[in-house]
Amino acid sequence: MTIRVTLAGPRDASYDILIDRGLLAELPALVKAACPASRYAVITDSHVAKLYGGQLVARFHDATLQVHLFEFPAGESNKTRETWASLSDRMLVAQLGRDSALIALGGGVVGDVA
């Protein structure tokens, strides 16, 4: 199922939300088609990383896509500039640049920090 989120404004920032079983396995192909990049950074919290981080990285590697997983401690208390700065620094160390794409794996704080 696809749900279209329409955002009105001076520029179209609308997007689709995909809901289906097994999307994790399809994610590398979906991301590559929607946002081709030289490498991908996946930002997630410690709870989501335990559930899906390893699987997602393996799927990207299977699709011969370069991916880096960046995890931070779960919880609202970690929605800070320090968390954002730490993630940014780690992405720079991994040599992710303007030709890279960022994926937020999770909601709430993960989306806010990413």
PDB file of N, CA and C in Angstrom:
ATOM      1  N   MET A   1       0.838  -1.160   0.000  1.00  0.00           N
ATOM      2  CA  MET A   1       0.000   0.000   0.000  1.00  0.00           C
ATOM      3  C   MET A   1       0.893   1.235   0.000  1.00  0.00           C
ATOM      4  N   THR A   2       0.514   2.238  -0.749  1.00  0.00           N
ATOM      5  CA  THR A   2       1.241   3.499  -0.792  1.00  0.00           C
ATOM      6  C   THR A   2       0.323   4.618  -0.325  1.00  0.00           C
ATOM      7  N   ILE A   3       0.796   5.399   0.617  1.00  0.00           N
ATOM      8  CA  ILE A   3       0.061   6.566   1.093  1.00  0.00           C
ATOM      9  C   ILE A   3       0.851   7.793   0.664  1.00  0.00           C
ATOM     10  N   ARG A   4       0.200   8.704  -0.017  1.00  0.00           N
ATOM     11  CA  ARG A   4       0.843   9.931  -0.482  1.00  0.00           C
ATOM     12  C   ARG A   4       0.628  11.033   0.545  1.00  0.00           C
ATOM     13  N   VAL A   5       1.704  11.627   1.034  1.00  0.00           N
ATOM     14  CA  VAL A   5       1.633  12.763   1.947  1.00  0.00           C
ATOM     15  C   VAL A   5       1.883  14.007   1.114  1.00  0.00           C
ATOM     16  N   THR A   6       0.865  14.837   1.009  1.00  0.00           N
ATOM     17  CA  THR A   6       0.952  16.044   0.186  1.00  0.00           C
ATOM     18  C   THR A   6       1.257  17.235   1.080  1.00  0.00           C
ATOM     19  N   LEU A   7       2.315  17.935   0.762  1.00  0.00           N
ATOM     20  CA  LEU A   7       2.726  19.114   1.514  1.00  0.00           C
ATOM     21  C   LEU A   7       2.622  20.334   0.613  1.00  0.00           C
ATOM     22  N   ALA A   8       1.768  21.254   0.991  1.00  0.00           N
ATOM     23  CA  ALA A   8       1.593  22.475   0.204  1.00  0.00           C
ATOM     24  C   ALA A   8       2.664  23.480   0.599  1.00  0.00           C
ATOM     25  N   GLY A   9       3.088  24.241  -0.352  1.00  0.00           N
ATOM     26  CA  GLY A   9       4.098  25.250  -0.079  1.00  0.00           C
ATOM     27  C   GLY A   9       4.683  25.770  -1.369  1.00  0.00           C
ATOM     28  N   PRO A  10       5.697  26.618  -1.258  1.00  0.00           N
ATOM     29  CA  PRO A  10       6.309  27.184  -2.461  1.00  0.00           C
ATOM     30  C   PRO A  10       6.968  26.132  -3.349  1.00  0.00           C
ATOM     31  N   ARG A  11       7.389  25.018  -2.756  1.00  0.00           N
ATOM     32  CA  ARG A  11       7.932  23.925  -3.560  1.00  0.00           C
ATOM     33  C   ARG A  11       7.281  22.630  -3.100  1.00  0.00           C
ATOM     34  N   ASP A  12       7.182  21.693  -4.000  1.00  0.00           N
ATOM     35  CA  ASP A  12       6.539  20.421  -3.684  1.00  0.00           C
ATOM     36  C   ASP A  12       7.492  19.545  -2.883  1.00  0.00           C
ATOM     37  N   ALA A  13       7.149  19.287  -1.632  1.00  0.00           N
ATOM     38  CA  ALA A  13       7.947  18.409  -0.776  1.00  0.00           C
ATOM     39  C   ALA A  13       7.142  17.173  -0.401  1.00  0.00           C
ATOM     40  N   SER A  14       6.149  16.851  -1.225  1.00  0.00           N
ATOM     41  CA  SER A  14       5.301  15.689  -0.964  1.00  0.00           C
ATOM     42  C   SER A  14       6.118  14.405  -1.070  1.00  0.00           C
ATOM     43  N   TYR A  15       5.639  13.363  -0.400  1.00  0.00           N
ATOM     44  CA  TYR A  15       6.357  12.088  -0.432  1.00  0.00           C
ATOM     45  C   TYR A  15       5.386  10.936  -0.231  1.00  0.00           C
ATOM     46  N   ASP A  16       5.854   9.736  -0.575  1.00  0.00           N
ATOM     47  CA  ASP A  16       5.061   8.523  -0.418  1.00  0.00           C
ATOM     48  C   ASP A  16       5.536   7.750   0.806  1.00  0.00           C
ATOM     49  N   ILE A  17       4.594   7.082   1.454  1.00  0.00           N
ATOM     50  CA  ILE A  17       4.897   6.137   2.525  1.00  0.00           C
ATOM     51  C   ILE A  17       4.474   4.766   2.028  1.00  0.00           C
ATOM     52  N   LEU A  18       5.403   3.817   2.012  1.00  0.00           N
ATOM     53  CA  LEU A  18       5.110   2.452   1.580  1.00  0.00           C
ATOM     54  C   LEU A  18       4.868   1.583   2.805  1.00  0.00           C
ATOM     55  N   ILE A  19       3.777   0.824   2.774  1.00  0.00           N
ATOM     56  CA  ILE A  19       3.437  -0.077   3.871  1.00  0.00           C
ATOM     57  C   ILE A  19       3.187  -1.452   3.275  1.00  0.00           C
ATOM     58  N   ASP A  20       4.012  -2.420   3.674  1.00  0.00           N
ATOM     59  CA  ASP A  20       3.850  -3.780   3.154  1.00  0.00           C
ATOM     60  C   ASP A  20       4.773  -4.712   3.931  1.00  0.00           C
ATOM     61  N   ARG A  21       4.482  -5.973   3.860  1.00  0.00           N
ATOM     62  CA  ARG A  21       5.364  -6.980   4.456  1.00  0.00           C
ATOM     63  C   ARG A  21       6.595  -7.145   3.565  1.00  0.00           C
ATOM     64  N   GLY A  22       7.726  -7.376   4.185  1.00  0.00           N
ATOM     65  CA  GLY A  22       8.931  -7.683   3.430  1.00  0.00           C
ATOM     66  C   GLY A  22       9.623  -6.501   2.785  1.00  0.00           C
ATOM     67  N   LEU A  23       9.264  -5.286   3.140  1.00  0.00           N
ATOM     68  CA  LEU A  23       9.886  -4.119   2.511  1.00  0.00           C
ATOM     69  C   LEU A  23      11.371  -3.987   2.839  1.00  0.00           C
ATOM     70  N   LEU A  24      11.784  -4.513   3.974  1.00  0.00           N
ATOM     71  CA  LEU A  24      13.199  -4.428   4.331  1.00  0.00           C
ATOM     72  C   LEU A  24      14.067  -5.087   3.263  1.00  0.00           C
ATOM     73  N   ALA A  25      13.606  -6.202   2.727  1.00  0.00           N
ATOM     74  CA  ALA A  25      14.359  -6.905   1.686  1.00  0.00           C
ATOM     75  C   ALA A  25      14.403  -6.102   0.393  1.00  0.00           C
ATOM     76  N   GLU A  26      13.378  -5.301   0.149  1.00  0.00           N
ATOM     77  CA  GLU A  26      13.297  -4.513  -1.080  1.00  0.00           C
ATOM     78  C   GLU A  26      13.920  -3.131  -0.946  1.00  0.00           C
ATOM     79  N   LEU A  27      14.240  -2.735   0.274  1.00  0.00           N
ATOM     80  CA  LEU A  27      14.692  -1.367   0.511  1.00  0.00           C
ATOM     81  C   LEU A  27      15.899  -0.944  -0.323  1.00  0.00           C
ATOM     82  N   PRO A  28      16.940  -1.752  -0.462  1.00  0.00           N
ATOM     83  CA  PRO A  28      18.067  -1.299  -1.287  1.00  0.00           C
ATOM     84  C   PRO A  28      17.658  -0.929  -2.714  1.00  0.00           C
ATOM     85  N   ALA A  29      16.836  -1.730  -3.344  1.00  0.00           N
ATOM     86  CA  ALA A  29      16.404  -1.423  -4.712  1.00  0.00           C
ATOM     87  C   ALA A  29      15.527  -0.178  -4.738  1.00  0.00           C
ATOM     88  N   LEU A  30      14.636  -0.040  -3.768  1.00  0.00           N
ATOM     89  CA  LEU A  30      13.766   1.137  -3.706  1.00  0.00           C
ATOM     90  C   LEU A  30      14.579   2.411  -3.506  1.00  0.00           C
ATOM     91  N   VAL A  31      15.537   2.354  -2.588  1.00  0.00           N
ATOM     92  CA  VAL A  31      16.368   3.521  -2.299  1.00  0.00           C
ATOM     93  C   VAL A  31      17.243   3.872  -3.498  1.00  0.00           C
ATOM     94  N   LYS A  32      17.837   2.866  -4.115  1.00  0.00           N
ATOM     95  CA  LYS A  32      18.703   3.117  -5.271  1.00  0.00           C
ATOM     96  C   LYS A  32      17.923   3.770  -6.407  1.00  0.00           C
ATOM     97  N   ALA A  33      16.681   3.338  -6.619  1.00  0.00           N
ATOM     98  CA  ALA A  33      15.858   3.917  -7.687  1.00  0.00           C
ATOM     99  C   ALA A  33      15.425   5.343  -7.346  1.00  0.00           C
ATOM    100  N   ALA A  34      15.064   5.580  -6.093  1.00  0.00           N
ATOM    101  CA  ALA A  34      14.550   6.890  -5.695  1.00  0.00           C
ATOM    102  C   ALA A  34      15.653   7.901  -5.429  1.00  0.00           C
ATOM    103  N   CYS A  35      16.807   7.416  -4.977  1.00  0.00           N
ATOM    104  CA  CYS A  35      17.873   8.318  -4.557  1.00  0.00           C
ATOM    105  C   CYS A  35      19.238   7.683  -4.813  1.00  0.00           C
ATOM    106  N   PRO A  36      19.661   7.642  -6.068  1.00  0.00           N
ATOM    107  CA  PRO A  36      20.964   7.036  -6.357  1.00  0.00           C
ATOM    108  C   PRO A  36      22.090   7.818  -5.665  1.00  0.00           C
ATOM    109  N   ALA A  37      23.017   7.096  -5.067  1.00  0.00           N
ATOM    110  CA  ALA A  37      24.128   7.729  -4.360  1.00  0.00           C
ATOM    111  C   ALA A  37      25.335   6.803  -4.401  1.00  0.00           C
ATOM    112  N   SER A  38      26.506   7.370  -4.124  1.00  0.00           N
ATOM    113  CA  SER A  38      27.720   6.547  -4.103  1.00  0.00           C
ATOM    114  C   SER A  38      27.756   5.669  -2.856  1.00  0.00           C
ATOM    115  N   ARG A  39      27.183   6.158  -1.775  1.00  0.00           N
ATOM    116  CA  ARG A  39      27.065   5.380  -0.542  1.00  0.00           C
ATOM    117  C   ARG A  39      25.908   5.929   0.293  1.00  0.00           C
ATOM    118  N   TYR A  40      25.514   5.118   1.254  1.00  0.00           N
ATOM    119  CA  TYR A  40      24.341   5.445   2.060  1.00  0.00           C
ATOM    120  C   TYR A  40      24.699   5.422   3.540  1.00  0.00           C
ATOM    121  N   ALA A  41      24.167   6.384   4.276  1.00  0.00           N
ATOM    122  CA  ALA A  41      24.303   6.431   5.728  1.00  0.00           C
ATOM    123  C   ALA A  41      22.940   6.116   6.324  1.00  0.00           C
ATOM    124  N   VAL A  42      22.888   5.127   7.184  1.00  0.00           N
ATOM    125  CA  VAL A  42      21.651   4.776   7.878  1.00  0.00           C
ATOM    126  C   VAL A  42      21.790   5.246   9.321  1.00  0.00           C
ATOM    127  N   ILE A  43      20.897   6.149   9.718  1.00  0.00           N
ATOM    128  CA  ILE A  43      20.874   6.669  11.081  1.00  0.00           C
ATOM    129  C   ILE A  43      19.751   5.962  11.827  1.00  0.00           C
ATOM    130  N   THR A  44      20.055   5.420  13.000  1.00  0.00           N
ATOM    131  CA  THR A  44      19.030   4.733  13.781  1.00  0.00           C
ATOM    132  C   THR A  44      19.395   4.764  15.257  1.00  0.00           C
ATOM    133  N   ASP A  45      18.418   4.428  16.095  1.00  0.00           N
ATOM    134  CA  ASP A  45      18.716   4.364  17.524  1.00  0.00           C
ATOM    135  C   ASP A  45      19.054   2.932  17.932  1.00  0.00           C
ATOM    136  N   SER A  46      19.479   2.776  19.171  1.00  0.00           N
ATOM    137  CA  SER A  46      19.962   1.472  19.636  1.00  0.00           C
ATOM    138  C   SER A  46      18.869   0.401  19.639  1.00  0.00           C
ATOM    139  N   HIS A  47      17.623   0.782  19.853  1.00  0.00           N
ATOM    140  CA  HIS A  47      16.538  -0.207  19.839  1.00  0.00           C
ATOM    141  C   HIS A  47      16.280  -0.730  18.430  1.00  0.00           C
ATOM    142  N   VAL A  48      16.147   0.172  17.473  1.00  0.00           N
ATOM    143  CA  VAL A  48      15.867  -0.224  16.088  1.00  0.00           C
ATOM    144  C   VAL A  48      17.072  -0.936  15.487  1.00  0.00           C
ATOM    145  N   ALA A  49      18.270  -0.497  15.845  1.00  0.00           N
ATOM    146  CA  ALA A  49      19.488  -1.142  15.327  1.00  0.00           C
ATOM    147  C   ALA A  49      19.526  -2.614  15.707  1.00  0.00           C
ATOM    148  N   LYS A  50      19.131  -2.929  16.946  1.00  0.00           N
ATOM    149  CA  LYS A  50      19.122  -4.328  17.384  1.00  0.00           C
ATOM    150  C   LYS A  50      18.146  -5.160  16.565  1.00  0.00           C
ATOM    151  N   LEU A  51      17.017  -4.568  16.210  1.00  0.00           N
ATOM    152  CA  LEU A  51      15.979  -5.300  15.479  1.00  0.00           C
ATOM    153  C   LEU A  51      16.276  -5.426  13.989  1.00  0.00           C
ATOM    154  N   TYR A  52      16.756  -4.336  13.367  1.00  0.00           N
ATOM    155  CA  TYR A  52      16.834  -4.301  11.910  1.00  0.00           C
ATOM    156  C   TYR A  52      18.182  -3.881  11.332  1.00  0.00           C
ATOM    157  N   GLY A  53      19.077  -3.352  12.142  1.00  0.00           N
ATOM    158  CA  GLY A  53      20.330  -2.802  11.623  1.00  0.00           C
ATOM    159  C   GLY A  53      21.164  -3.792  10.838  1.00  0.00           C
ATOM    160  N   GLY A  54      21.434  -4.936  11.425  1.00  0.00           N
ATOM    161  CA  GLY A  54      22.252  -5.950  10.755  1.00  0.00           C
ATOM    162  C   GLY A  54      21.617  -6.465   9.480  1.00  0.00           C
ATOM    163  N   GLN A  55      20.301  -6.696   9.524  1.00  0.00           N
ATOM    164  CA  GLN A  55      19.585  -7.169   8.332  1.00  0.00           C
ATOM    165  C   GLN A  55      19.677  -6.153   7.204  1.00  0.00           C
ATOM    166  N   LEU A  56      19.479  -4.874   7.553  1.00  0.00           N
ATOM    167  CA  LEU A  56      19.493  -3.836   6.525  1.00  0.00           C
ATOM    168  C   LEU A  56      20.871  -3.711   5.888  1.00  0.00           C
ATOM    169  N   VAL A  57      21.910  -3.710   6.706  1.00  0.00           N
ATOM    170  CA  VAL A  57      23.275  -3.620   6.178  1.00  0.00           C
ATOM    171  C   VAL A  57      23.557  -4.808   5.263  1.00  0.00           C
ATOM    172  N   ALA A  58      23.153  -5.999   5.669  1.00  0.00           N
ATOM    173  CA  ALA A  58      23.363  -7.193   4.840  1.00  0.00           C
ATOM    174  C   ALA A  58      22.639  -7.071   3.509  1.00  0.00           C
ATOM    175  N   ARG A  59      21.423  -6.558   3.515  1.00  0.00           N
ATOM    176  CA  ARG A  59      20.658  -6.389   2.262  1.00  0.00           C
ATOM    177  C   ARG A  59      21.349  -5.403   1.322  1.00  0.00           C
ATOM    178  N   PHE A  60      21.865  -4.314   1.875  1.00  0.00           N
ATOM    179  CA  PHE A  60      22.577  -3.337   1.042  1.00  0.00           C
ATOM    180  C   PHE A  60      23.847  -3.955   0.463  1.00  0.00           C
ATOM    181  N   HIS A  61      24.577  -4.705   1.276  1.00  0.00           N
ATOM    182  CA  HIS A  61      25.792  -5.362   0.783  1.00  0.00           C
ATOM    183  C   HIS A  61      25.452  -6.387  -0.292  1.00  0.00           C
ATOM    184  N   ASP A  62      24.362  -7.148  -0.103  1.00  0.00           N
ATOM    185  CA  ASP A  62      23.923  -8.112  -1.117  1.00  0.00           C
ATOM    186  C   ASP A  62      23.637  -7.421  -2.447  1.00  0.00           C
ATOM    187  N   ALA A  63      23.153  -6.178  -2.366  1.00  0.00           N
ATOM    188  CA  ALA A  63      22.841  -5.403  -3.572  1.00  0.00           C
ATOM    189  C   ALA A  63      24.060  -4.623  -4.064  1.00  0.00           C
ATOM    190  N   THR A  64      25.219  -4.911  -3.519  1.00  0.00           N
ATOM    191  CA  THR A  64      26.493  -4.249  -3.831  1.00  0.00           C
ATOM    192  C   THR A  64      26.421  -2.726  -3.665  1.00  0.00           C
ATOM    193  N   LEU A  65      25.725  -2.299  -2.633  1.00  0.00           N
ATOM    194  CA  LEU A  65      25.650  -0.876  -2.298  1.00  0.00           C
ATOM    195  C   LEU A  65      26.460  -0.633  -1.031  1.00  0.00           C
ATOM    196  N   GLN A  66      27.202   0.468  -1.021  1.00  0.00           N
ATOM    197  CA  GLN A  66      27.990   0.818   0.161  1.00  0.00           C
ATOM    198  C   GLN A  66      27.073   1.456   1.197  1.00  0.00           C
ATOM    199  N   VAL A  67      27.104   0.935   2.405  1.00  0.00           N
ATOM    200  CA  VAL A  67      26.244   1.457   3.469  1.00  0.00           C
ATOM    201  C   VAL A  67      27.020   1.496   4.776  1.00  0.00           C
ATOM    202  N   HIS A  68      26.728   2.513   5.574  1.00  0.00           N
ATOM    203  CA  HIS A  68      27.302   2.656   6.910  1.00  0.00           C
ATOM    204  C   HIS A  68      26.146   2.825   7.882  1.00  0.00           C
ATOM    205  N   LEU A  69      26.169   2.091   8.970  1.00  0.00           N
ATOM    206  CA  LEU A  69      25.142   2.179  10.000  1.00  0.00           C
ATOM    207  C   LEU A  69      25.657   3.052  11.135  1.00  0.00           C
ATOM    208  N   PHE A  70      24.898   4.088  11.471  1.00  0.00           N
ATOM    209  CA  PHE A  70      25.258   4.998  12.558  1.00  0.00           C
ATOM    210  C   PHE A  70      24.164   4.930  13.612  1.00  0.00           C
ATOM    211  N   GLU A  71      24.553   4.469  14.778  1.00  0.00           N
ATOM    212  CA  GLU A  71      23.608   4.220  15.866  1.00  0.00           C
ATOM    213  C   GLU A  71      23.868   5.200  17.004  1.00  0.00           C
ATOM    214  N   PHE A  72      22.785   5.615  17.658  1.00  0.00           N
ATOM    215  CA  PHE A  72      22.914   6.431  18.857  1.00  0.00           C
ATOM    216  C   PHE A  72      21.953   5.878  19.916  1.00  0.00           C
ATOM    217  N   PRO A  73      22.157   6.191  21.198  1.00  0.00           N
ATOM    218  CA  PRO A  73      21.291   5.651  22.249  1.00  0.00           C
ATOM    219  C   PRO A  73      19.838   6.094  22.060  1.00  0.00           C
ATOM    220  N   ALA A  74      18.922   5.162  22.269  1.00  0.00           N
ATOM    221  CA  ALA A  74      17.495   5.456  22.111  1.00  0.00           C
ATOM    222  C   ALA A  74      17.014   6.385  23.223  1.00  0.00           C
ATOM    223  N   GLY A  75      15.972   7.141  22.924  1.00  0.00           N
ATOM    224  CA  GLY A  75      15.328   7.966  23.947  1.00  0.00           C
ATOM    225  C   GLY A  75      15.298   9.438  23.596  1.00  0.00           C
ATOM    226  N   GLU A  76      14.222  10.070  24.040  1.00  0.00           N
ATOM    227  CA  GLU A  76      14.005  11.502  23.798  1.00  0.00           C
ATOM    228  C   GLU A  76      15.157  12.348  24.341  1.00  0.00           C
ATOM    229  N   SER A  77      15.779  11.885  25.413  1.00  0.00           N
ATOM    230  CA  SER A  77      16.877  12.653  26.020  1.00  0.00           C
ATOM    231  C   SER A  77      18.093  12.748  25.099  1.00  0.00           C
ATOM    232  N   ASN A  78      18.122  11.945  24.047  1.00  0.00           N
ATOM    233  CA  ASN A  78      19.249  11.979  23.107  1.00  0.00           C
ATOM    234  C   ASN A  78      18.970  12.824  21.870  1.00  0.00           C
ATOM    235  N   LYS A  79      17.845  13.511  21.863  1.00  0.00           N
ATOM    236  CA  LYS A  79      17.556  14.445  20.769  1.00  0.00           C
ATOM    237  C   LYS A  79      18.249  15.767  21.113  1.00  0.00           C
ATOM    238  N   THR A  80      19.552  15.778  20.882  1.00  0.00           N
ATOM    239  CA  THR A  80      20.372  16.925  21.270  1.00  0.00           C
ATOM    240  C   THR A  80      21.311  17.321  20.138  1.00  0.00           C
ATOM    241  N   ARG A  81      21.844  18.511  20.268  1.00  0.00           N
ATOM    242  CA  ARG A  81      22.847  18.966  19.310  1.00  0.00           C
ATOM    243  C   ARG A  81      24.088  18.085  19.393  1.00  0.00           C
ATOM    244  N   GLU A  82      24.401  17.610  20.589  1.00  0.00           N
ATOM    245  CA  GLU A  82      25.575  16.757  20.772  1.00  0.00           C
ATOM    246  C   GLU A  82      25.426  15.438  20.015  1.00  0.00           C
ATOM    247  N   THR A  83      24.230  14.852  20.052  1.00  0.00           N
ATOM    248  CA  THR A  83      23.989  13.618  19.296  1.00  0.00           C
ATOM    249  C   THR A  83      24.143  13.887  17.812  1.00  0.00           C
ATOM    250  N   TRP A  84      23.533  14.971  17.340  1.00  0.00           N
ATOM    251  CA  TRP A  84      23.623  15.332  15.925  1.00  0.00           C
ATOM    252  C   TRP A  84      25.084  15.572  15.527  1.00  0.00           C
ATOM    253  N   ALA A  85      25.825  16.295  16.364  1.00  0.00           N
ATOM    254  CA  ALA A  85      27.227  16.586  16.056  1.00  0.00           C
ATOM    255  C   ALA A  85      28.057  15.305  16.023  1.00  0.00           C
ATOM    256  N   SER A  86      27.805  14.404  16.955  1.00  0.00           N
ATOM    257  CA  SER A  86      28.529  13.131  16.980  1.00  0.00           C
ATOM    258  C   SER A  86      28.263  12.325  15.709  1.00  0.00           C
ATOM    259  N   LEU A  87      27.003  12.257  15.302  1.00  0.00           N
ATOM    260  CA  LEU A  87      26.663  11.544  14.064  1.00  0.00           C
ATOM    261  C   LEU A  87      27.323  12.206  12.860  1.00  0.00           C
ATOM    262  N   SER A  88      27.279  13.536  12.814  1.00  0.00           N
ATOM    263  CA  SER A  88      27.903  14.267  11.704  1.00  0.00           C
ATOM    264  C   SER A  88      29.401  13.995  11.641  1.00  0.00           C
ATOM    265  N   ASP A  89      30.053  14.029  12.790  1.00  0.00           N
ATOM    266  CA  ASP A  89      31.494  13.756  12.834  1.00  0.00           C
ATOM    267  C   ASP A  89      31.799  12.338  12.360  1.00  0.00           C
ATOM    268  N   ARG A  90      30.998  11.373  12.802  1.00  0.00           N
ATOM    269  CA  ARG A  90      31.216   9.981  12.398  1.00  0.00           C
ATOM    270  C   ARG A  90      30.998   9.805  10.893  1.00  0.00           C
ATOM    271  N   MET A  91      30.038  10.520  10.331  1.00  0.00           N
ATOM    272  CA  MET A  91      29.820  10.434   8.882  1.00  0.00           C
ATOM    273  C   MET A  91      30.997  11.042   8.120  1.00  0.00           C
ATOM    274  N   LEU A  92      31.551  12.122   8.635  1.00  0.00           N
ATOM    275  CA  LEU A  92      32.728  12.722   7.995  1.00  0.00           C
ATOM    276  C   LEU A  92      33.927  11.780   8.051  1.00  0.00           C
ATOM    277  N   VAL A  93      34.130  11.120   9.178  1.00  0.00           N
ATOM    278  CA  VAL A  93      35.223  10.151   9.313  1.00  0.00           C
ATOM    279  C   VAL A  93      35.052   9.019   8.302  1.00  0.00           C
ATOM    280  N   ALA A  94      33.800   8.627   8.049  1.00  0.00           N
ATOM    281  CA  ALA A  94      33.514   7.563   7.069  1.00  0.00           C
ATOM    282  C   ALA A  94      33.570   8.090   5.636  1.00  0.00           C
ATOM    283  N   GLN A  95      33.931   9.357   5.482  1.00  0.00           N
ATOM    284  CA  GLN A  95      34.083  10.013   4.180  1.00  0.00           C
ATOM    285  C   GLN A  95      32.783  10.064   3.385  1.00  0.00           C
ATOM    286  N   LEU A  96      31.683  10.244   4.101  1.00  0.00           N
ATOM    287  CA  LEU A  96      30.407  10.461   3.425  1.00  0.00           C
ATOM    288  C   LEU A  96      30.319  11.935   3.073  1.00  0.00           C
ATOM    289  N   GLY A  97      29.918  12.217   1.849  1.00  0.00           N
ATOM    290  CA  GLY A  97      29.858  13.596   1.389  1.00  0.00           C
ATOM    291  C   GLY A  97      28.570  13.899   0.654  1.00  0.00           C
ATOM    292  N   ARG A  98      28.641  14.897  -0.204  1.00  0.00           N
ATOM    293  CA  ARG A  98      27.446  15.344  -0.925  1.00  0.00           C
ATOM    294  C   ARG A  98      26.927  14.316  -1.910  1.00  0.00           C
ATOM    295  N   ASP A  99      27.753  13.346  -2.260  1.00  0.00           N
ATOM    296  CA  ASP A  99      27.315  12.292  -3.178  1.00  0.00           C
ATOM    297  C   ASP A  99      26.730  11.099  -2.421  1.00  0.00           C
ATOM    298  N   SER A 100      26.518  11.266  -1.113  1.00  0.00           N
ATOM    299  CA  SER A 100      25.944  10.213  -0.272  1.00  0.00           C
ATOM    300  C   SER A 100      24.490  10.546   0.048  1.00  0.00           C
ATOM    301  N   ALA A 101      23.752   9.539   0.482  1.00  0.00           N
ATOM    302  CA  ALA A 101      22.357   9.735   0.877  1.00  0.00           C
ATOM    303  C   ALA A 101      22.173   9.275   2.313  1.00  0.00           C
ATOM    304  N   LEU A 102      21.245   9.902   3.001  1.00  0.00           N
ATOM    305  CA  LEU A 102      20.968   9.627   4.399  1.00  0.00           C
ATOM    306  C   LEU A 102      19.610   8.952   4.528  1.00  0.00           C
ATOM    307  N   ILE A 103      19.564   7.866   5.299  1.00  0.00           N
ATOM    308  CA  ILE A 103      18.325   7.128   5.540  1.00  0.00           C
ATOM    309  C   ILE A 103      18.071   7.121   7.043  1.00  0.00           C
ATOM    310  N   ALA A 104      16.885   7.566   7.457  1.00  0.00           N
ATOM    311  CA  ALA A 104      16.478   7.487   8.859  1.00  0.00           C
ATOM    312  C   ALA A 104      15.722   6.177   9.034  1.00  0.00           C
ATOM    313  N   LEU A 105      16.272   5.261   9.831  1.00  0.00           N
ATOM    314  CA  LEU A 105      15.634   3.971  10.091  1.00  0.00           C
ATOM    315  C   LEU A 105      14.990   4.046  11.468  1.00  0.00           C
ATOM    316  N   GLY A 106      13.716   4.400  11.485  1.00  0.00           N
ATOM    317  CA  GLY A 106      12.984   4.588  12.723  1.00  0.00           C
ATOM    318  C   GLY A 106      12.194   5.874  12.652  1.00  0.00           C
ATOM    319  N   GLY A 107      11.514   6.172  13.706  1.00  0.00           N
ATOM    320  CA  GLY A 107      10.691   7.378  13.733  1.00  0.00           C
ATOM    321  C   GLY A 107      11.037   8.224  14.937  1.00  0.00           C
ATOM    322  N   GLY A 108      10.259   9.258  15.136  1.00  0.00           N
ATOM    323  CA  GLY A 108      10.441  10.121  16.298  1.00  0.00           C
ATOM    324  C   GLY A 108      11.809  10.751  16.343  1.00  0.00           C
ATOM    325  N   VAL A 109      12.559  10.444  17.392  1.00  0.00           N
ATOM    326  CA  VAL A 109      13.877  11.037  17.604  1.00  0.00           C
ATOM    327  C   VAL A 109      14.808  10.735  16.436  1.00  0.00           C
ATOM    328  N   VAL A 110      14.725   9.532  15.885  1.00  0.00           N
ATOM    329  CA  VAL A 110      15.601   9.163  14.757  1.00  0.00           C
ATOM    330  C   VAL A 110      15.398  10.132  13.596  1.00  0.00           C
ATOM    331  N   GLY A 111      14.154  10.369  13.229  1.00  0.00           N
ATOM    332  CA  GLY A 111      13.868  11.299  12.136  1.00  0.00           C
ATOM    333  C   GLY A 111      14.290  12.716  12.464  1.00  0.00           C
ATOM    334  N   ASP A 112      14.100  13.124  13.708  1.00  0.00           N
ATOM    335  CA  ASP A 112      14.493  14.472  14.111  1.00  0.00           C
ATOM    336  C   ASP A 112      16.006  14.653  14.053  1.00  0.00           C
ATOM    337  N   VAL A 113      16.748  13.672  14.527  1.00  0.00           N
ATOM    338  CA  VAL A 113      18.211  13.769  14.555  1.00  0.00           C
ATOM    339  C   VAL A 113      18.799  13.632  13.153  1.00  0.00           C
ATOM    340  N   ALA A 114      18.238  12.735  12.358  1.00  0.00           N
ATOM    341  CA  ALA A 114      18.749  12.523  10.997  1.00  0.00           C
ATOM    342  C   ALA A 114      18.480  13.751  10.147  1.00  0.00           C
TER     343      ALA A 114
END
